[in-house]
Amino acid sequence: MVEIVSEMVANVWKVLVSVGDQVTEGDTLVILESMKMEIPVEVTVSGKVEEVRVVEGGVVQEGDVIAVIS
């Protein structure tokens, strides 16, 4: 299991994956927004999305887990 974490404090602007989705390294999981900039969060490994721990409109802190990939 690989946890994808936030590298900054940001708003969750858009969630692009759901539990059960197959993803490939480099796919965008979510788009964060900070200081009016959109920051895509990409998956670092190929696999299946086991958990999505954020919701659109939510806020993440640095180090928060965004998703878990197996």
C-alpha atoms as a PDB file:
ATOM      1  CA  MET A   1       0.000   0.000   0.000  1.00  0.00           C
ATOM      2  CA  VAL A   2       1.251   3.457  -0.942  1.00  0.00           C
ATOM      3  CA  GLU A   3      -0.102   6.578   0.711  1.00  0.00           C
ATOM      4  CA  ILE A   4      -0.238   9.712  -1.420  1.00  0.00           C
ATOM      5  CA  VAL A   5       0.172  12.736   0.859  1.00  0.00           C
ATOM      6  CA  SER A   6      -0.306  16.463   0.536  1.00  0.00           C
ATOM      7  CA  GLU A   7       2.871  18.521   0.347  1.00  0.00           C
ATOM      8  CA  MET A   8       1.140  21.729   1.471  1.00  0.00           C
ATOM      9  CA  VAL A   9      -1.899  23.262   3.120  1.00  0.00           C
ATOM     10  CA  ALA A  10      -4.536  23.651   0.408  1.00  0.00           C
ATOM     11  CA  ASN A  11      -8.200  23.420  -0.497  1.00  0.00           C
ATOM     12  CA  VAL A  12      -9.393  20.314  -2.328  1.00  0.00           C
ATOM     13  CA  TRP A  13     -10.736  21.750  -5.561  1.00  0.00           C
ATOM     14  CA  LYS A  14     -11.530  18.558  -7.504  1.00  0.00           C
ATOM     15  CA  VAL A  15     -11.348  14.804  -6.803  1.00  0.00           C
ATOM     16  CA  LEU A  16     -10.737  12.886 -10.042  1.00  0.00           C
ATOM     17  CA  VAL A  17     -10.697   9.258  -8.796  1.00  0.00           C
ATOM     18  CA  SER A  18     -12.958   6.925  -6.853  1.00  0.00           C
ATOM     19  CA  VAL A  19     -12.339   3.834  -4.752  1.00  0.00           C
ATOM     20  CA  GLY A  20     -11.781   0.866  -7.061  1.00  0.00           C
ATOM     21  CA  ASP A  21     -10.369   2.897  -9.966  1.00  0.00           C
ATOM     22  CA  GLN A  22      -7.219   1.628 -11.663  1.00  0.00           C
ATOM     23  CA  VAL A  23      -4.548   4.322 -11.951  1.00  0.00           C
ATOM     24  CA  THR A  24      -1.240   4.539 -13.771  1.00  0.00           C
ATOM     25  CA  GLU A  25       1.862   6.306 -12.490  1.00  0.00           C
ATOM     26  CA  GLY A  26       1.521   9.980 -13.390  1.00  0.00           C
ATOM     27  CA  ASP A  27      -2.305  10.065 -13.358  1.00  0.00           C
ATOM     28  CA  THR A  28      -3.823  13.007 -11.477  1.00  0.00           C
ATOM     29  CA  LEU A  29      -5.742  11.987  -8.333  1.00  0.00           C
ATOM     30  CA  VAL A  30      -6.940  15.365  -7.115  1.00  0.00           C
ATOM     31  CA  ILE A  31      -6.451  19.030  -7.871  1.00  0.00           C
ATOM     32  CA  LEU A  32      -5.622  21.237  -4.919  1.00  0.00           C
ATOM     33  CA  GLU A  33      -5.992  25.020  -4.831  1.00  0.00           C
ATOM     34  CA  SER A  34      -3.719  27.314  -2.908  1.00  0.00           C
ATOM     35  CA  MET A  35      -3.306  31.066  -3.374  1.00  0.00           C
ATOM     36  CA  LYS A  36      -5.455  30.883  -6.545  1.00  0.00           C
ATOM     37  CA  MET A  37      -3.122  28.307  -8.114  1.00  0.00           C
ATOM     38  CA  GLU A  38      -4.272  24.829  -9.139  1.00  0.00           C
ATOM     39  CA  ILE A  39      -1.882  22.080  -8.059  1.00  0.00           C
ATOM     40  CA  PRO A  40      -2.411  18.577  -9.498  1.00  0.00           C
ATOM     41  CA  VAL A  41      -1.484  15.686  -7.196  1.00  0.00           C
ATOM     42  CA  GLU A  42      -0.235  12.757  -9.242  1.00  0.00           C
ATOM     43  CA  VAL A  43      -0.028   9.101  -8.290  1.00  0.00           C
ATOM     44  CA  THR A  44       3.524   7.801  -7.888  1.00  0.00           C
ATOM     45  CA  VAL A  45       2.757   4.124  -8.597  1.00  0.00           C
ATOM     46  CA  SER A  46       0.333   2.202 -10.774  1.00  0.00           C
ATOM     47  CA  GLY A  47      -2.401   0.249  -8.989  1.00  0.00           C
ATOM     48  CA  LYS A  48      -5.906   0.292  -7.573  1.00  0.00           C
ATOM     49  CA  VAL A  49      -7.355   3.127  -5.490  1.00  0.00           C
ATOM     50  CA  GLU A  50      -8.152   1.565  -2.101  1.00  0.00           C
ATOM     51  CA  GLU A  51      -9.118   4.745  -0.218  1.00  0.00           C
ATOM     52  CA  VAL A  52      -9.822   8.384  -1.005  1.00  0.00           C
ATOM     53  CA  ARG A  53      -9.513  10.400   2.199  1.00  0.00           C
ATOM     54  CA  VAL A  54     -10.439  13.854   0.905  1.00  0.00           C
ATOM     55  CA  VAL A  55     -13.628  15.468  -0.392  1.00  0.00           C
ATOM     56  CA  GLU A  56     -14.150  18.373  -2.757  1.00  0.00           C
ATOM     57  CA  GLY A  57     -14.338  21.602  -0.798  1.00  0.00           C
ATOM     58  CA  GLY A  58     -12.306  20.164   2.063  1.00  0.00           C
ATOM     59  CA  VAL A  59      -8.926  21.332   3.330  1.00  0.00           C
ATOM     60  CA  VAL A  60      -5.725  19.305   3.603  1.00  0.00           C
ATOM     61  CA  GLN A  61      -2.746  20.022   5.798  1.00  0.00           C
ATOM     62  CA  GLU A  62       0.852  19.251   4.886  1.00  0.00           C
ATOM     63  CA  GLY A  63       1.365  15.496   5.356  1.00  0.00           C
ATOM     64  CA  ASP A  64      -2.338  14.551   5.246  1.00  0.00           C
ATOM     65  CA  VAL A  65      -3.063  11.339   3.344  1.00  0.00           C
ATOM     66  CA  ILE A  66      -5.032  12.054   0.170  1.00  0.00           C
ATOM     67  CA  ALA A  67      -5.414   8.497  -1.130  1.00  0.00           C
ATOM     68  CA  VAL A  68      -4.130   4.959  -0.660  1.00  0.00           C
ATOM     69  CA  ILE A  69      -3.030   2.911  -3.689  1.00  0.00           C
ATOM     70  CA  SER A  70      -2.367  -0.841  -3.732  1.00  0.00           C
END
